C-alpha atoms as a PDB file:
ATOM      1  CA  UNK A   1     148.634   3.944  18.993  1.00  0.00           C
ATOM      2  CA  UNK A   2     151.050   1.253  17.898  1.00  0.00           C
ATOM      3  CA  UNK A   3     151.042  -0.292  14.400  1.00  0.00           C
ATOM      4  CA  UNK A   4     152.008  -3.858  13.501  1.00  0.00           C
ATOM      5  CA  UNK A   5     151.987  -5.336  10.018  1.00  0.00           C
ATOM      6  CA  UNK A   6     150.809  -8.896   9.425  1.00  0.00           C
ATOM      7  CA  UNK A   7     151.570  -8.473   5.699  1.00  0.00           C
ATOM      8  CA  UNK A   8     155.324  -7.978   5.262  1.00  0.00           C
ATOM      9  CA  UNK A   9     154.883  -6.085   1.966  1.00  0.00           C
ATOM     10  CA  UNK A  10     152.693  -3.472   3.690  1.00  0.00           C
ATOM     11  CA  UNK A  11     155.263  -3.052   6.459  1.00  0.00           C
ATOM     12  CA  UNK A  12     157.989  -2.358   3.932  1.00  0.00           C
ATOM     13  CA  UNK A  13     155.707  -0.018   1.968  1.00  0.00           C
ATOM     14  CA  UNK A  14     154.799   1.921   5.115  1.00  0.00           C
ATOM     15  CA  UNK A  15     158.494   2.526   5.807  1.00  0.00           C
ATOM     16  CA  UNK A  16     158.929   3.961   2.285  1.00  0.00           C
ATOM     17  CA  UNK A  17     161.465   1.273   1.441  1.00  0.00           C
ATOM     18  CA  UNK A  18     161.829  -0.157  -2.046  1.00  0.00           C
ATOM     19  CA  UNK A  19     159.270  -2.929  -2.481  1.00  0.00           C
ATOM     20  CA  UNK A  20     160.311  -3.875  -5.994  1.00  0.00           C
ATOM     21  CA  UNK A  21     157.334  -4.554  -8.220  1.00  0.00           C
ATOM     22  CA  UNK A  22     154.167  -2.783  -7.084  1.00  0.00           C
ATOM     23  CA  UNK A  23     151.476  -5.082  -5.701  1.00  0.00           C
ATOM     24  CA  UNK A  24     148.714  -2.453  -5.928  1.00  0.00           C
ATOM     25  CA  UNK A  25     147.988   0.493  -8.235  1.00  0.00           C
ATOM     26  CA  UNK A  26     150.172   3.533  -7.527  1.00  0.00           C
ATOM     27  CA  UNK A  27     147.243   5.641  -6.264  1.00  0.00           C
ATOM     28  CA  UNK A  28     146.360   2.901  -3.759  1.00  0.00           C
ATOM     29  CA  UNK A  29     149.914   2.671  -2.447  1.00  0.00           C
ATOM     30  CA  UNK A  30     150.119   6.458  -2.085  1.00  0.00           C
ATOM     31  CA  UNK A  31     146.746   6.475  -0.322  1.00  0.00           C
ATOM     32  CA  UNK A  32     147.964   3.691   1.985  1.00  0.00           C
ATOM     33  CA  UNK A  33     150.985   5.790   2.986  1.00  0.00           C
ATOM     34  CA  UNK A  34     148.686   8.742   3.696  1.00  0.00           C
ATOM     35  CA  UNK A  35     146.482   6.573   5.918  1.00  0.00           C
ATOM     36  CA  UNK A  36     149.523   5.245   7.796  1.00  0.00           C
ATOM     37  CA  UNK A  37     150.583   8.842   8.515  1.00  0.00           C
ATOM     38  CA  UNK A  38     147.097   9.578   9.877  1.00  0.00           C
ATOM     39  CA  UNK A  39     147.160   6.446  12.036  1.00  0.00           C
ATOM     40  CA  UNK A  40     150.583   7.357  13.452  1.00  0.00           C
ATOM     41  CA  UNK A  41     149.254  10.773  14.486  1.00  0.00           C
ATOM     42  CA  UNK A  42     146.186   9.308  16.199  1.00  0.00           C
ATOM     43  CA  UNK A  43     146.157   8.682  19.940  1.00  0.00           C
ATOM     44  CA  UNK A  44     143.700   5.845  19.487  1.00  0.00           C
ATOM     45  CA  UNK A  45     140.778   4.541  17.478  1.00  0.00           C
ATOM     46  CA  UNK A  46     138.522   7.344  18.737  1.00  0.00           C
ATOM     47  CA  UNK A  47     140.670   9.857  16.845  1.00  0.00           C
ATOM     48  CA  UNK A  48     140.315   7.780  13.674  1.00  0.00           C
ATOM     49  CA  UNK A  49     136.549   7.377  14.111  1.00  0.00           C
ATOM     50  CA  UNK A  50     136.258  11.171  14.268  1.00  0.00           C
ATOM     51  CA  UNK A  51     137.674  11.502  10.729  1.00  0.00           C
ATOM     52  CA  UNK A  52     134.510  10.828   8.730  1.00  0.00           C
ATOM     53  CA  UNK A  53     136.318  10.432   5.390  1.00  0.00           C
ATOM     54  CA  UNK A  54     137.997   7.262   6.710  1.00  0.00           C
ATOM     55  CA  UNK A  55     134.633   5.485   7.081  1.00  0.00           C
ATOM     56  CA  UNK A  56     136.010   3.579  10.096  1.00  0.00           C
ATOM     57  CA  UNK A  57     133.793   0.526  10.514  1.00  0.00           C
ATOM     58  CA  UNK A  58     133.575  -2.871  12.119  1.00  0.00           C
ATOM     59  CA  UNK A  59     133.272  -5.530   9.434  1.00  0.00           C
ATOM     60  CA  UNK A  60     130.328  -7.916   9.338  1.00  0.00           C
ATOM     61  CA  UNK A  61     131.417 -10.469   6.739  1.00  0.00           C
ATOM     62  CA  UNK A  62     132.080 -13.917   8.182  1.00  0.00           C
ATOM     63  CA  UNK A  63     135.748 -14.020   7.161  1.00  0.00           C
ATOM     64  CA  UNK A  64     136.352 -10.580   8.727  1.00  0.00           C
ATOM     65  CA  UNK A  65     134.563 -11.032  12.070  1.00  0.00           C
ATOM     66  CA  UNK A  66     136.234  -8.972  14.781  1.00  0.00           C
ATOM     67  CA  UNK A  67     138.111  -6.871  12.242  1.00  0.00           C
ATOM     68  CA  UNK A  68     137.776  -3.255  11.136  1.00  0.00           C
ATOM     69  CA  UNK A  69     138.423  -1.210   8.023  1.00  0.00           C
ATOM     70  CA  UNK A  70     139.140   2.307   6.871  1.00  0.00           C
ATOM     71  CA  UNK A  71     138.990   3.527   3.305  1.00  0.00           C
ATOM     72  CA  UNK A  72     142.080   4.169   1.265  1.00  0.00           C
ATOM     73  CA  UNK A  73     139.936   5.395  -1.618  1.00  0.00           C
ATOM     74  CA  UNK A  74     136.441   4.597  -2.925  1.00  0.00           C
ATOM     75  CA  UNK A  75     137.369   1.064  -3.990  1.00  0.00           C
ATOM     76  CA  UNK A  76     140.156  -0.046  -1.633  1.00  0.00           C
ATOM     77  CA  UNK A  77     140.122  -0.398   2.121  1.00  0.00           C
ATOM     78  CA  UNK A  78     142.649  -1.231   4.804  1.00  0.00           C
ATOM     79  CA  UNK A  79     141.694  -4.263   6.926  1.00  0.00           C
ATOM     80  CA  UNK A  80     142.987  -4.496  10.498  1.00  0.00           C
ATOM     81  CA  UNK A  81     142.481  -5.923  13.962  1.00  0.00           C
ATOM     82  CA  UNK A  82     142.565  -3.835  17.150  1.00  0.00           C
ATOM     83  CA  UNK A  83     144.270  -5.347  20.179  1.00  0.00           C
ATOM     84  CA  UNK A  84     145.711  -3.945  23.394  1.00  0.00           C
ATOM     85  CA  UNK A  85     149.177  -4.135  24.880  1.00  0.00           C
ATOM     86  CA  UNK A  86     148.897  -2.906  28.450  1.00  0.00           C
ATOM     87  CA  UNK A  87     147.069   0.427  28.009  1.00  0.00           C
ATOM     88  CA  UNK A  88     148.102   0.975  24.401  1.00  0.00           C
ATOM     89  CA  UNK A  89     145.850   0.214  21.427  1.00  0.00           C
ATOM     90  CA  UNK A  90     147.598  -1.785  18.708  1.00  0.00           C
ATOM     91  CA  UNK A  91     146.434  -1.778  15.090  1.00  0.00           C
ATOM     92  CA  UNK A  92     147.457  -5.026  13.408  1.00  0.00           C
ATOM     93  CA  UNK A  93     147.250  -4.243   9.690  1.00  0.00           C
ATOM     94  CA  UNK A  94     146.431  -7.362   7.699  1.00  0.00           C
ATOM     95  CA  UNK A  95     145.654  -6.414   4.112  1.00  0.00           C
ATOM     96  CA  UNK A  96     144.519  -3.980   1.486  1.00  0.00           C
ATOM     97  CA  UNK A  97     141.244  -5.195   0.049  1.00  0.00           C
ATOM     98  CA  UNK A  98     139.434  -4.212  -3.141  1.00  0.00           C
ATOM     99  CA  UNK A  99     135.990  -3.708  -1.677  1.00  0.00           C
ATOM    100  CA  UNK A 100     134.267  -4.148  -5.031  1.00  0.00           C
ATOM    101  CA  UNK A 101     136.578  -6.656  -6.662  1.00  0.00           C
END
């Protein structure tokens, strides 16, 4: 599985580079890095769906049609789009969203 970042900040954060001022709470950024590690180890979305704690789901809200999410923690989720490049699934990570905020 290949990962692309629509949000430049998240791309820098995923590479463990200095992002300057934190955009999200520390626990959310650490959780994001953990999720990225899990995504990198996955062969595809089926592997991620099998991890129940991720709560992998297709979103139903109008502004998120065609997009998916996994949980970072109880309040925050990672929003992404799944595309294909040849036979490879590509996760295009768009944002971290406060599900209840």
